PDB file of N, CA and C in Angstrom:
ATOM      1  N   MET A   1      17.025  31.911  -3.054  1.00  0.00           N
ATOM      2  CA  MET A   1      16.596  31.141  -4.214  1.00  0.00           C
ATOM      3  C   MET A   1      15.144  30.705  -3.980  1.00  0.00           C
ATOM      4  N   ASP A   2      14.286  30.914  -4.957  1.00  0.00           N
ATOM      5  CA  ASP A   2      12.884  30.541  -4.756  1.00  0.00           C
ATOM      6  C   ASP A   2      12.678  29.043  -4.992  1.00  0.00           C
ATOM      7  N   GLU A   3      11.536  28.547  -4.530  1.00  0.00           N
ATOM      8  CA  GLU A   3      11.223  27.125  -4.588  1.00  0.00           C
ATOM      9  C   GLU A   3      11.188  26.593  -6.019  1.00  0.00           C
ATOM     10  N   HIS A   4      10.711  27.399  -6.961  1.00  0.00           N
ATOM     11  CA  HIS A   4      10.623  26.979  -8.357  1.00  0.00           C
ATOM     12  C   HIS A   4      12.019  26.673  -8.919  1.00  0.00           C
ATOM     13  N   CYS A   5      13.005  27.472  -8.567  1.00  0.00           N
ATOM     14  CA  CYS A   5      14.376  27.232  -9.037  1.00  0.00           C
ATOM     15  C   CYS A   5      14.927  25.927  -8.472  1.00  0.00           C
ATOM     16  N   LEU A   6      14.617  25.641  -7.211  1.00  0.00           N
ATOM     17  CA  LEU A   6      15.103  24.410  -6.597  1.00  0.00           C
ATOM     18  C   LEU A   6      14.580  23.176  -7.323  1.00  0.00           C
ATOM     19  N   CYS A   7      13.324  23.236  -7.762  1.00  0.00           N
ATOM     20  CA  CYS A   7      12.740  22.083  -8.451  1.00  0.00           C
ATOM     21  C   CYS A   7      13.414  21.829  -9.788  1.00  0.00           C
ATOM     22  N   ARG A   8      13.924  22.864 -10.416  1.00  0.00           N
ATOM     23  CA  ARG A   8      14.646  22.661 -11.676  1.00  0.00           C
ATOM     24  C   ARG A   8      16.025  22.060 -11.428  1.00  0.00           C
ATOM     25  N   GLU A   9      16.616  22.348 -10.278  1.00  0.00           N
ATOM     26  CA  GLU A   9      17.935  21.800  -9.952  1.00  0.00           C
ATOM     27  C   GLU A   9      17.856  20.356  -9.480  1.00  0.00           C
ATOM     28  N   VAL A  10      16.765  20.005  -8.833  1.00  0.00           N
ATOM     29  CA  VAL A  10      16.567  18.655  -8.314  1.00  0.00           C
ATOM     30  C   VAL A  10      15.352  18.063  -9.008  1.00  0.00           C
ATOM     31  N   ASP A  11      15.530  16.903  -9.616  1.00  0.00           N
ATOM     32  CA  ASP A  11      14.409  16.253 -10.300  1.00  0.00           C
ATOM     33  C   ASP A  11      13.525  15.577  -9.258  1.00  0.00           C
ATOM     34  N   VAL A  12      12.484  16.263  -8.875  1.00  0.00           N
ATOM     35  CA  VAL A  12      11.580  15.784  -7.839  1.00  0.00           C
ATOM     36  C   VAL A  12      10.531  14.813  -8.395  1.00  0.00           C
ATOM     37  N   ARG A  13      10.416  14.732  -9.710  1.00  0.00           N
ATOM     38  CA  ARG A  13       9.367  13.919 -10.327  1.00  0.00           C
ATOM     39  C   ARG A  13       9.377  12.446  -9.904  1.00  0.00           C
ATOM     40  N   PRO A  14      10.526  11.748  -9.898  1.00  0.00           N
ATOM     41  CA  PRO A  14      10.503  10.338  -9.487  1.00  0.00           C
ATOM     42  C   PRO A  14       9.997  10.154  -8.053  1.00  0.00           C
ATOM     43  N   PHE A  15      10.441  11.017  -7.152  1.00  0.00           N
ATOM     44  CA  PHE A  15       9.993  10.954  -5.768  1.00  0.00           C
ATOM     45  C   PHE A  15       8.497  11.246  -5.679  1.00  0.00           C
ATOM     46  N   ALA A  16       8.060  12.307  -6.343  1.00  0.00           N
ATOM     47  CA  ALA A  16       6.650  12.698  -6.306  1.00  0.00           C
ATOM     48  C   ALA A  16       5.769  11.587  -6.882  1.00  0.00           C
ATOM     49  N   TYR A  17       6.236  10.945  -7.948  1.00  0.00           N
ATOM     50  CA  TYR A  17       5.474   9.841  -8.545  1.00  0.00           C
ATOM     51  C   TYR A  17       5.356   8.678  -7.562  1.00  0.00           C
ATOM     52  N   ALA A  18       6.470   8.275  -6.968  1.00  0.00           N
ATOM     53  CA  ALA A  18       6.457   7.153  -6.019  1.00  0.00           C
ATOM     54  C   ALA A  18       5.534   7.450  -4.839  1.00  0.00           C
ATOM     55  N   ILE A  19       5.624   8.649  -4.298  1.00  0.00           N
ATOM     56  CA  ILE A  19       4.772   9.023  -3.168  1.00  0.00           C
ATOM     57  C   ILE A  19       3.307   9.054  -3.596  1.00  0.00           C
ATOM     58  N   SER A  20       3.015   9.488  -4.809  1.00  0.00           N
ATOM     59  CA  SER A  20       1.623   9.540  -5.266  1.00  0.00           C
ATOM     60  C   SER A  20       0.993   8.152  -5.295  1.00  0.00           C
ATOM     61  N   LEU A  21       1.794   7.119  -5.513  1.00  0.00           N
ATOM     62  CA  LEU A  21       1.270   5.755  -5.562  1.00  0.00           C
ATOM     63  C   LEU A  21       0.914   5.215  -4.181  1.00  0.00           C
ATOM     64  N   ILE A  22       1.609   5.671  -3.154  1.00  0.00           N
ATOM     65  CA  ILE A  22       1.383   5.140  -1.807  1.00  0.00           C
ATOM     66  C   ILE A  22       0.735   6.158  -0.883  1.00  0.00           C
ATOM     67  N   ASP A  23       0.423   7.346  -1.415  1.00  0.00           N
ATOM     68  CA  ASP A  23      -0.216   8.378  -0.622  1.00  0.00           C
ATOM     69  C   ASP A  23      -1.640   7.957  -0.301  1.00  0.00           C
ATOM     70  N   GLY A  24      -1.985   7.997   0.932  1.00  0.00           N
ATOM     71  CA  GLY A  24      -3.304   7.557   1.392  1.00  0.00           C
ATOM     72  C   GLY A  24      -3.119   6.826   2.701  1.00  0.00           C
ATOM     73  N   LYS A  25      -4.060   6.988   3.595  1.00  0.00           N
ATOM     74  CA  LYS A  25      -3.918   6.460   4.948  1.00  0.00           C
ATOM     75  C   LYS A  25      -3.690   4.954   4.989  1.00  0.00           C
ATOM     76  N   TRP A  26      -4.280   4.192   4.073  1.00  0.00           N
ATOM     77  CA  TRP A  26      -4.269   2.733   4.188  1.00  0.00           C
ATOM     78  C   TRP A  26      -3.446   2.013   3.129  1.00  0.00           C
ATOM     79  N   LYS A  27      -2.943   2.702   2.124  1.00  0.00           N
ATOM     80  CA  LYS A  27      -2.274   2.019   1.017  1.00  0.00           C
ATOM     81  C   LYS A  27      -1.049   1.218   1.462  1.00  0.00           C
ATOM     82  N   MET A  28      -0.199   1.806   2.268  1.00  0.00           N
ATOM     83  CA  MET A  28       0.989   1.076   2.719  1.00  0.00           C
ATOM     84  C   MET A  28       0.596  -0.112   3.592  1.00  0.00           C
ATOM     85  N   HIS A  29      -0.457   0.034   4.379  1.00  0.00           N
ATOM     86  CA  HIS A  29      -0.939  -1.071   5.209  1.00  0.00           C
ATOM     87  C   HIS A  29      -1.456  -2.216   4.330  1.00  0.00           C
ATOM     88  N   ILE A  30      -2.191  -1.865   3.288  1.00  0.00           N
ATOM     89  CA  ILE A  30      -2.701  -2.874   2.355  1.00  0.00           C
ATOM     90  C   ILE A  30      -1.541  -3.595   1.678  1.00  0.00           C
ATOM     91  N   LEU A  31      -0.578  -2.834   1.189  1.00  0.00           N
ATOM     92  CA  LEU A  31       0.589  -3.436   0.543  1.00  0.00           C
ATOM     93  C   LEU A  31       1.350  -4.329   1.520  1.00  0.00           C
ATOM     94  N   PHE A  32       1.490  -3.899   2.764  1.00  0.00           N
ATOM     95  CA  PHE A  32       2.173  -4.696   3.785  1.00  0.00           C
ATOM     96  C   PHE A  32       1.492  -6.054   3.952  1.00  0.00           C
ATOM     97  N   TRP A  33       0.165  -6.047   4.135  1.00  0.00           N
ATOM     98  CA  TRP A  33      -0.545  -7.306   4.362  1.00  0.00           C
ATOM     99  C   TRP A  33      -0.505  -8.213   3.145  1.00  0.00           C
ATOM    100  N   LEU A  34      -0.585  -7.648   1.954  1.00  0.00           N
ATOM    101  CA  LEU A  34      -0.490  -8.483   0.751  1.00  0.00           C
ATOM    102  C   LEU A  34       0.919  -9.027   0.568  1.00  0.00           C
ATOM    103  N   TRP A  35       1.906  -8.283   1.002  1.00  0.00           N
ATOM    104  CA  TRP A  35       3.300  -8.746   0.969  1.00  0.00           C
ATOM    105  C   TRP A  35       3.467  -9.927   1.919  1.00  0.00           C
ATOM    106  N   LYS A  36       2.918  -9.805   3.118  1.00  0.00           N
ATOM    107  CA  LYS A  36       3.096 -10.845   4.134  1.00  0.00           C
ATOM    108  C   LYS A  36       2.232 -12.079   3.895  1.00  0.00           C
ATOM    109  N   LYS A  37       1.014 -11.887   3.392  1.00  0.00           N
ATOM    110  CA  LYS A  37       0.081 -13.007   3.227  1.00  0.00           C
ATOM    111  C   LYS A  37      -0.062 -13.476   1.785  1.00  0.00           C
ATOM    112  N   GLU A  38       0.462 -12.726   0.837  1.00  0.00           N
ATOM    113  CA  GLU A  38       0.467 -13.021  -0.599  1.00  0.00           C
ATOM    114  C   GLU A  38      -0.893 -12.866  -1.272  1.00  0.00           C
ATOM    115  N   VAL A  39      -1.920 -13.530  -0.770  1.00  0.00           N
ATOM    116  CA  VAL A  39      -3.261 -13.423  -1.348  1.00  0.00           C
ATOM    117  C   VAL A  39      -4.256 -13.240  -0.204  1.00  0.00           C
ATOM    118  N   LEU A  40      -5.111 -12.226  -0.336  1.00  0.00           N
ATOM    119  CA  LEU A  40      -6.137 -11.996   0.679  1.00  0.00           C
ATOM    120  C   LEU A  40      -7.460 -11.646   0.019  1.00  0.00           C
ATOM    121  N   ARG A  41      -8.536 -12.110   0.621  1.00  0.00           N
ATOM    122  CA  ARG A  41      -9.873 -11.710   0.191  1.00  0.00           C
ATOM    123  C   ARG A  41     -10.197 -10.383   0.864  1.00  0.00           C
ATOM    124  N   TYR A  42     -11.217  -9.714   0.346  1.00  0.00           N
ATOM    125  CA  TYR A  42     -11.598  -8.403   0.870  1.00  0.00           C
ATOM    126  C   TYR A  42     -11.838  -8.455   2.375  1.00  0.00           C
ATOM    127  N   SER A  43     -12.620  -9.424   2.834  1.00  0.00           N
ATOM    128  CA  SER A  43     -12.955  -9.514   4.261  1.00  0.00           C
ATOM    129  C   SER A  43     -11.709  -9.758   5.117  1.00  0.00           C
ATOM    130  N   GLU A  44     -10.752 -10.512   4.601  1.00  0.00           N
ATOM    131  CA  GLU A  44      -9.515 -10.757   5.336  1.00  0.00           C
ATOM    132  C   GLU A  44      -8.688  -9.476   5.457  1.00  0.00           C
ATOM    133  N   LEU A  45      -8.641  -8.710   4.369  1.00  0.00           N
ATOM    134  CA  LEU A  45      -7.940  -7.422   4.414  1.00  0.00           C
ATOM    135  C   LEU A  45      -8.602  -6.486   5.411  1.00  0.00           C
ATOM    136  N   LYS A  46      -9.911  -6.395   5.363  1.00  0.00           N
ATOM    137  CA  LYS A  46     -10.650  -5.511   6.262  1.00  0.00           C
ATOM    138  C   LYS A  46     -10.388  -5.903   7.714  1.00  0.00           C
ATOM    139  N   ARG A  47     -10.388  -7.183   8.002  1.00  0.00           N
ATOM    140  CA  ARG A  47     -10.121  -7.670   9.356  1.00  0.00           C
ATOM    141  C   ARG A  47      -8.686  -7.342   9.784  1.00  0.00           C
ATOM    142  N   ALA A  48      -7.738  -7.518   8.880  1.00  0.00           N
ATOM    143  CA  ALA A  48      -6.335  -7.237   9.206  1.00  0.00           C
ATOM    144  C   ALA A  48      -6.098  -5.755   9.476  1.00  0.00           C
ATOM    145  N   LEU A  49      -6.828  -4.897   8.764  1.00  0.00           N
ATOM    146  CA  LEU A  49      -6.625  -3.454   8.894  1.00  0.00           C
ATOM    147  C   LEU A  49      -7.340  -2.856  10.096  1.00  0.00           C
ATOM    148  N   GLY A  50      -8.347  -3.520  10.587  1.00  0.00           N
ATOM    149  CA  GLY A  50      -9.027  -3.027  11.785  1.00  0.00           C
ATOM    150  C   GLY A  50     -10.033  -1.930  11.524  1.00  0.00           C
ATOM    151  N   LYS A  51      -9.674  -0.687  11.804  1.00  0.00           N
ATOM    152  CA  LYS A  51     -10.625   0.426  11.822  1.00  0.00           C
ATOM    153  C   LYS A  51     -10.964   1.028  10.458  1.00  0.00           C
ATOM    154  N   VAL A  52     -10.501   0.468   9.389  1.00  0.00           N
ATOM    155  CA  VAL A  52     -10.783   1.024   8.062  1.00  0.00           C
ATOM    156  C   VAL A  52     -12.268   0.846   7.722  1.00  0.00           C
ATOM    157  N   THR A  53     -12.854   1.862   7.104  1.00  0.00           N
ATOM    158  CA  THR A  53     -14.254   1.766   6.686  1.00  0.00           C
ATOM    159  C   THR A  53     -14.341   1.032   5.346  1.00  0.00           C
ATOM    160  N   HIS A  54     -15.523   0.534   5.049  1.00  0.00           N
ATOM    161  CA  HIS A  54     -15.751  -0.160   3.773  1.00  0.00           C
ATOM    162  C   HIS A  54     -15.443   0.769   2.603  1.00  0.00           C
ATOM    163  N   LYS A  55     -15.944   2.010   2.664  1.00  0.00           N
ATOM    164  CA  LYS A  55     -15.737   2.964   1.571  1.00  0.00           C
ATOM    165  C   LYS A  55     -14.249   3.266   1.379  1.00  0.00           C
ATOM    166  N   MET A  56     -13.535   3.503   2.475  1.00  0.00           N
ATOM    167  CA  MET A  56     -12.110   3.819   2.391  1.00  0.00           C
ATOM    168  C   MET A  56     -11.327   2.646   1.823  1.00  0.00           C
ATOM    169  N   LEU A  57     -11.593   1.443   2.309  1.00  0.00           N
ATOM    170  CA  LEU A  57     -10.876   0.269   1.814  1.00  0.00           C
ATOM    171  C   LEU A  57     -11.163   0.049   0.332  1.00  0.00           C
ATOM    172  N   SER A  58     -12.415   0.169  -0.057  1.00  0.00           N
ATOM    173  CA  SER A  58     -12.772  -0.003  -1.472  1.00  0.00           C
ATOM    174  C   SER A  58     -12.056   1.013  -2.351  1.00  0.00           C
ATOM    175  N   ASN A  59     -12.047   2.269  -1.916  1.00  0.00           N
ATOM    176  CA  ASN A  59     -11.380   3.326  -2.689  1.00  0.00           C
ATOM    177  C   ASN A  59      -9.877   3.090  -2.792  1.00  0.00           C
ATOM    178  N   GLN A  60      -9.246   2.737  -1.674  1.00  0.00           N
ATOM    179  CA  GLN A  60      -7.802   2.521  -1.683  1.00  0.00           C
ATOM    180  C   GLN A  60      -7.434   1.317  -2.557  1.00  0.00           C
ATOM    181  N   LEU A  61      -8.242   0.261  -2.498  1.00  0.00           N
ATOM    182  CA  LEU A  61      -7.990  -0.910  -3.345  1.00  0.00           C
ATOM    183  C   LEU A  61      -8.129  -0.557  -4.823  1.00  0.00           C
ATOM    184  N   LYS A  62      -9.147   0.220  -5.173  1.00  0.00           N
ATOM    185  CA  LYS A  62      -9.335   0.637  -6.563  1.00  0.00           C
ATOM    186  C   LYS A  62      -8.154   1.468  -7.053  1.00  0.00           C
ATOM    187  N   GLU A  63      -7.674   2.384  -6.207  1.00  0.00           N
ATOM    188  CA  GLU A  63      -6.529   3.215  -6.601  1.00  0.00           C
ATOM    189  C   GLU A  63      -5.268   2.375  -6.766  1.00  0.00           C
ATOM    190  N   LEU A  64      -5.031   1.444  -5.853  1.00  0.00           N
ATOM    191  CA  LEU A  64      -3.857   0.573  -5.972  1.00  0.00           C
ATOM    192  C   LEU A  64      -3.943  -0.296  -7.227  1.00  0.00           C
ATOM    193  N   GLU A  65      -5.140  -0.739  -7.553  1.00  0.00           N
ATOM    194  CA  GLU A  65      -5.331  -1.540  -8.772  1.00  0.00           C
ATOM    195  C   GLU A  65      -5.125  -0.676 -10.014  1.00  0.00           C
ATOM    196  N   THR A  66      -5.668   0.535 -10.012  1.00  0.00           N
ATOM    197  CA  THR A  66      -5.504   1.458 -11.142  1.00  0.00           C
ATOM    198  C   THR A  66      -4.036   1.777 -11.367  1.00  0.00           C
ATOM    199  N   ASP A  67      -3.282   1.910 -10.279  1.00  0.00           N
ATOM    200  CA  ASP A  67      -1.847   2.217 -10.370  1.00  0.00           C
ATOM    201  C   ASP A  67      -1.003   0.977 -10.610  1.00  0.00           C
ATOM    202  N   ASP A  68      -1.645  -0.186 -10.807  1.00  0.00           N
ATOM    203  CA  ASP A  68      -0.980  -1.452 -11.121  1.00  0.00           C
ATOM    204  C   ASP A  68      -0.041  -1.925 -10.011  1.00  0.00           C
ATOM    205  N   LEU A  69      -0.404  -1.649  -8.755  1.00  0.00           N
ATOM    206  CA  LEU A  69       0.384  -2.171  -7.640  1.00  0.00           C
ATOM    207  C   LEU A  69      -0.213  -3.463  -7.095  1.00  0.00           C
ATOM    208  N   ILE A  70      -1.512  -3.644  -7.289  1.00  0.00           N
ATOM    209  CA  ILE A  70      -2.159  -4.883  -6.873  1.00  0.00           C
ATOM    210  C   ILE A  70      -3.027  -5.409  -8.021  1.00  0.00           C
ATOM    211  N   VAL A  71      -3.372  -6.686  -7.909  1.00  0.00           N
ATOM    212  CA  VAL A  71      -4.247  -7.328  -8.884  1.00  0.00           C
ATOM    213  C   VAL A  71      -5.497  -7.794  -8.143  1.00  0.00           C
ATOM    214  N   ARG A  72      -6.635  -7.545  -8.747  1.00  0.00           N
ATOM    215  CA  ARG A  72      -7.922  -8.007  -8.219  1.00  0.00           C
ATOM    216  C   ARG A  72      -8.388  -9.150  -9.108  1.00  0.00           C
ATOM    217  N   LYS A  73      -8.568 -10.323  -8.513  1.00  0.00           N
ATOM    218  CA  LYS A  73      -9.018 -11.489  -9.274  1.00  0.00           C
ATOM    219  C   LYS A  73     -10.400 -11.888  -8.769  1.00  0.00           C
ATOM    220  N   GLU A  74     -11.347 -11.880  -9.696  1.00  0.00           N
ATOM    221  CA  GLU A  74     -12.728 -12.225  -9.358  1.00  0.00           C
ATOM    222  C   GLU A  74     -13.050 -13.592  -9.929  1.00  0.00           C
ATOM    223  N   TYR A  75     -13.610 -14.445  -9.085  1.00  0.00           N
ATOM    224  CA  TYR A  75     -13.992 -15.787  -9.508  1.00  0.00           C
ATOM    225  C   TYR A  75     -15.491 -15.817  -9.801  1.00  0.00           C
ATOM    226  N   PRO A  76     -15.887 -16.401 -10.933  1.00  0.00           N
ATOM    227  CA  PRO A  76     -17.310 -16.449 -11.303  1.00  0.00           C
ATOM    228  C   PRO A  76     -18.050 -17.549 -10.533  1.00  0.00           C
ATOM    229  N   GLN A  77     -18.453 -17.235  -9.331  1.00  0.00           N
ATOM    230  CA  GLN A  77     -19.177 -18.198  -8.520  1.00  0.00           C
ATOM    231  C   GLN A  77     -20.170 -17.454  -7.635  1.00  0.00           C
ATOM    232  N   VAL A  78     -21.040 -18.199  -6.982  1.00  0.00           N
ATOM    233  CA  VAL A  78     -22.012 -17.616  -6.066  1.00  0.00           C
ATOM    234  C   VAL A  78     -21.762 -18.233  -4.693  1.00  0.00           C
ATOM    235  N   PRO A  79     -21.532 -17.438  -3.660  1.00  0.00           N
ATOM    236  CA  PRO A  79     -21.366 -15.979  -3.706  1.00  0.00           C
ATOM    237  C   PRO A  79     -20.049 -15.612  -4.380  1.00  0.00           C
ATOM    238  N   PRO A  80     -19.947 -14.371  -4.870  1.00  0.00           N
ATOM    239  CA  PRO A  80     -18.726 -13.950  -5.560  1.00  0.00           C
ATOM    240  C   PRO A  80     -17.495 -14.053  -4.654  1.00  0.00           C
ATOM    241  N   LYS A  81     -16.406 -14.449  -5.245  1.00  0.00           N
ATOM    242  CA  LYS A  81     -15.139 -14.548  -4.511  1.00  0.00           C
ATOM    243  C   LYS A  81     -14.144 -13.628  -5.208  1.00  0.00           C
ATOM    244  N   VAL A  82     -13.534 -12.727  -4.440  1.00  0.00           N
ATOM    245  CA  VAL A  82     -12.555 -11.789  -4.978  1.00  0.00           C
ATOM    246  C   VAL A  82     -11.291 -11.890  -4.136  1.00  0.00           C
ATOM    247  N   GLU A  83     -10.155 -12.003  -4.794  1.00  0.00           N
ATOM    248  CA  GLU A  83      -8.864 -12.051  -4.109  1.00  0.00           C
ATOM    249  C   GLU A  83      -7.990 -10.911  -4.611  1.00  0.00           C
ATOM    250  N   TYR A  84      -7.102 -10.464  -3.750  1.00  0.00           N
ATOM    251  CA  TYR A  84      -6.147  -9.412  -4.078  1.00  0.00           C
ATOM    252  C   TYR A  84      -4.741  -9.938  -3.828  1.00  0.00           C
ATOM    253  N   PHE A  85      -3.823  -9.544  -4.703  1.00  0.00           N
ATOM    254  CA  PHE A  85      -2.417  -9.886  -4.526  1.00  0.00           C
ATOM    255  C   PHE A  85      -1.559  -8.822  -5.203  1.00  0.00           C
ATOM    256  N   LEU A  86      -0.290  -8.803  -4.868  1.00  0.00           N
ATOM    257  CA  LEU A  86       0.633  -7.820  -5.436  1.00  0.00           C
ATOM    258  C   LEU A  86       0.897  -8.118  -6.908  1.00  0.00           C
ATOM    259  N   SER A  87       0.928  -7.073  -7.718  1.00  0.00           N
ATOM    260  CA  SER A  87       1.347  -7.203  -9.114  1.00  0.00           C
ATOM    261  C   SER A  87       2.881  -7.248  -9.139  1.00  0.00           C
ATOM    262  N   GLU A  88       3.439  -7.445 -10.304  1.00  0.00           N
ATOM    263  CA  GLU A  88       4.908  -7.404 -10.413  1.00  0.00           C
ATOM    264  C   GLU A  88       5.431  -6.026 -10.014  1.00  0.00           C
ATOM    265  N   LYS A  89       4.725  -4.986 -10.433  1.00  0.00           N
ATOM    266  CA  LYS A  89       5.122  -3.621 -10.061  1.00  0.00           C
ATOM    267  C   LYS A  89       5.036  -3.450  -8.541  1.00  0.00           C
ATOM    268  N   GLY A  90       3.975  -3.993  -7.933  1.00  0.00           N
ATOM    269  CA  GLY A  90       3.836  -3.929  -6.482  1.00  0.00           C
ATOM    270  C   GLY A  90       4.939  -4.691  -5.775  1.00  0.00           C
ATOM    271  N   LYS A  91       5.265  -5.876  -6.293  1.00  0.00           N
ATOM    272  CA  LYS A  91       6.356  -6.669  -5.705  1.00  0.00           C
ATOM    273  C   LYS A  91       7.684  -5.926  -5.779  1.00  0.00           C
ATOM    274  N   SER A  92       7.871  -5.146  -6.848  1.00  0.00           N
ATOM    275  CA  SER A  92       9.137  -4.419  -6.994  1.00  0.00           C
ATOM    276  C   SER A  92       9.289  -3.314  -5.956  1.00  0.00           C
ATOM    277  N   MET A  93       8.196  -2.952  -5.284  1.00  0.00           N
ATOM    278  CA  MET A  93       8.242  -1.939  -4.234  1.00  0.00           C
ATOM    279  C   MET A  93       8.568  -2.557  -2.862  1.00  0.00           C
ATOM    280  N   MET A  94       8.521  -3.865  -2.741  1.00  0.00           N
ATOM    281  CA  MET A  94       8.689  -4.514  -1.446  1.00  0.00           C
ATOM    282  C   MET A  94      10.070  -4.345  -0.821  1.00  0.00           C
ATOM    283  N   PRO A  95      11.161  -4.227  -1.587  1.00  0.00           N
ATOM    284  CA  PRO A  95      12.433  -3.929  -0.929  1.00  0.00           C
ATOM    285  C   PRO A  95      12.395  -2.601  -0.158  1.00  0.00           C
ATOM    286  N   VAL A  96      11.660  -1.625  -0.675  1.00  0.00           N
ATOM    287  CA  VAL A  96      11.515  -0.341   0.015  1.00  0.00           C
ATOM    288  C   VAL A  96      10.730  -0.549   1.307  1.00  0.00           C
ATOM    289  N   LEU A  97       9.648  -1.306   1.238  1.00  0.00           N
ATOM    290  CA  LEU A  97       8.838  -1.592   2.416  1.00  0.00           C
ATOM    291  C   LEU A  97       9.643  -2.395   3.440  1.00  0.00           C
ATOM    292  N   SER A  98      10.460  -3.304   2.965  1.00  0.00           N
ATOM    293  CA  SER A  98      11.305  -4.107   3.846  1.00  0.00           C
ATOM    294  C   SER A  98      12.277  -3.230   4.634  1.00  0.00           C
ATOM    295  N   VAL A  99      12.900  -2.280   3.968  1.00  0.00           N
ATOM    296  CA  VAL A  99      13.829  -1.365   4.642  1.00  0.00           C
ATOM    297  C   VAL A  99      13.081  -0.525   5.670  1.00  0.00           C
ATOM    298  N   LEU A 100      11.887  -0.084   5.335  1.00  0.00           N
ATOM    299  CA  LEU A 100      11.074   0.691   6.265  1.00  0.00           C
ATOM    300  C   LEU A 100      10.720  -0.154   7.499  1.00  0.00           C
ATOM    301  N   CYS A 101      10.387  -1.420   7.289  1.00  0.00           N
ATOM    302  CA  CYS A 101      10.095  -2.321   8.409  1.00  0.00           C
ATOM    303  C   CYS A 101      11.327  -2.527   9.293  1.00  0.00           C
ATOM    304  N   LYS A 102      12.475  -2.696   8.683  1.00  0.00           N
ATOM    305  CA  LYS A 102      13.720  -2.865   9.454  1.00  0.00           C
ATOM    306  C   LYS A 102      14.016  -1.619  10.274  1.00  0.00           C
ATOM    307  N   TRP A 103      13.812  -0.452   9.681  1.00  0.00           N
ATOM    308  CA  TRP A 103      14.021   0.798  10.407  1.00  0.00           C
ATOM    309  C   TRP A 103      13.058   0.869  11.591  1.00  0.00           C
ATOM    310  N   GLY A 104      11.791   0.549  11.365  1.00  0.00           N
ATOM    311  CA  GLY A 104      10.801   0.570  12.442  1.00  0.00           C
ATOM    312  C   GLY A 104      11.152  -0.405  13.549  1.00  0.00           C
ATOM    313  N   HIS A 105      11.604  -1.585  13.181  1.00  0.00           N
ATOM    314  CA  HIS A 105      11.999  -2.597  14.166  1.00  0.00           C
ATOM    315  C   HIS A 105      13.135  -2.081  15.044  1.00  0.00           C
ATOM    316  N   ALA A 106      14.057  -1.374  14.437  1.00  0.00           N
ATOM    317  CA  ALA A 106      15.217  -0.857  15.183  1.00  0.00           C
ATOM    318  C   ALA A 106      14.873   0.352  16.057  1.00  0.00           C
ATOM    319  N   HIS A 107      13.786   1.057  15.748  1.00  0.00           N
ATOM    320  CA  HIS A 107      13.516   2.316  16.443  1.00  0.00           C
ATOM    321  C   HIS A 107      12.199   2.371  17.216  1.00  0.00           C
ATOM    322  N   VAL A 108      11.371   1.337  17.148  1.00  0.00           N
ATOM    323  CA  VAL A 108      10.079   1.388  17.834  1.00  0.00           C
ATOM    324  C   VAL A 108      10.299   1.398  19.349  1.00  0.00           C
ATOM    325  N   PRO A 109       9.699   2.374  20.042  1.00  0.00           N
ATOM    326  CA  PRO A 109       9.838   2.402  21.518  1.00  0.00           C
ATOM    327  C   PRO A 109       9.119   1.204  22.156  1.00  0.00           C
ATOM    328  N   ASP A 110       9.631   0.725  23.258  1.00  0.00           N
ATOM    329  CA  ASP A 110       9.050  -0.428  23.937  1.00  0.00           C
ATOM    330  C   ASP A 110       7.587  -0.197  24.320  1.00  0.00           C
ATOM    331  N   ASN A 111       7.237   1.035  24.633  1.00  0.00           N
ATOM    332  CA  ASN A 111       5.880   1.313  25.100  1.00  0.00           C
ATOM    333  C   ASN A 111       4.924   1.764  23.986  1.00  0.00           C
ATOM    334  N   TRP A 112       5.361   1.735  22.702  1.00  0.00           N
ATOM    335  CA  TRP A 112       4.509   2.175  21.598  1.00  0.00           C
ATOM    336  C   TRP A 112       3.470   1.113  21.283  1.00  0.00           C
ATOM    337  N   LYS A 113       2.229   1.560  21.103  1.00  0.00           N
ATOM    338  CA  LYS A 113       1.126   0.658  20.779  1.00  0.00           C
ATOM    339  C   LYS A 113       0.445   1.131  19.493  1.00  0.00           C
ATOM    340  N   ILE A 114      -0.082   0.181  18.727  1.00  0.00           N
ATOM    341  CA  ILE A 114      -0.824   0.514  17.512  1.00  0.00           C
ATOM    342  C   ILE A 114      -2.112   1.201  17.931  1.00  0.00           C
ATOM    343  N   GLN A 115      -2.389   2.313  17.294  1.00  0.00           N
ATOM    344  CA  GLN A 115      -3.612   3.077  17.619  1.00  0.00           C
ATOM    345  C   GLN A 115      -4.835   2.423  17.076  1.00  0.00           C
TER     346      GLN A 115
END
């Protein structure tokens, strides 16, 4: 049976859509930190993520905002203040992230270190 036939038998669209929203090296990390801290400024997110570049973080934040997973709130002041937090759609994804965290907690090797 060829791959095209399999896709007609199994509706892959919901899975593909969900993965498209979180596809990217830093998106799940960003969602994790906003889940845990609720509201973060750009500099706080950058510090929490560590090795992420300014361009990569900016791009990932824009994509998450475009996909309505996070909200960007800009305050009209000098210097500008911008905060990020989960949207309702983003919050609805947190049970999935929670299960992933529980799985990781149960299976992380004692000697594993964050790269």
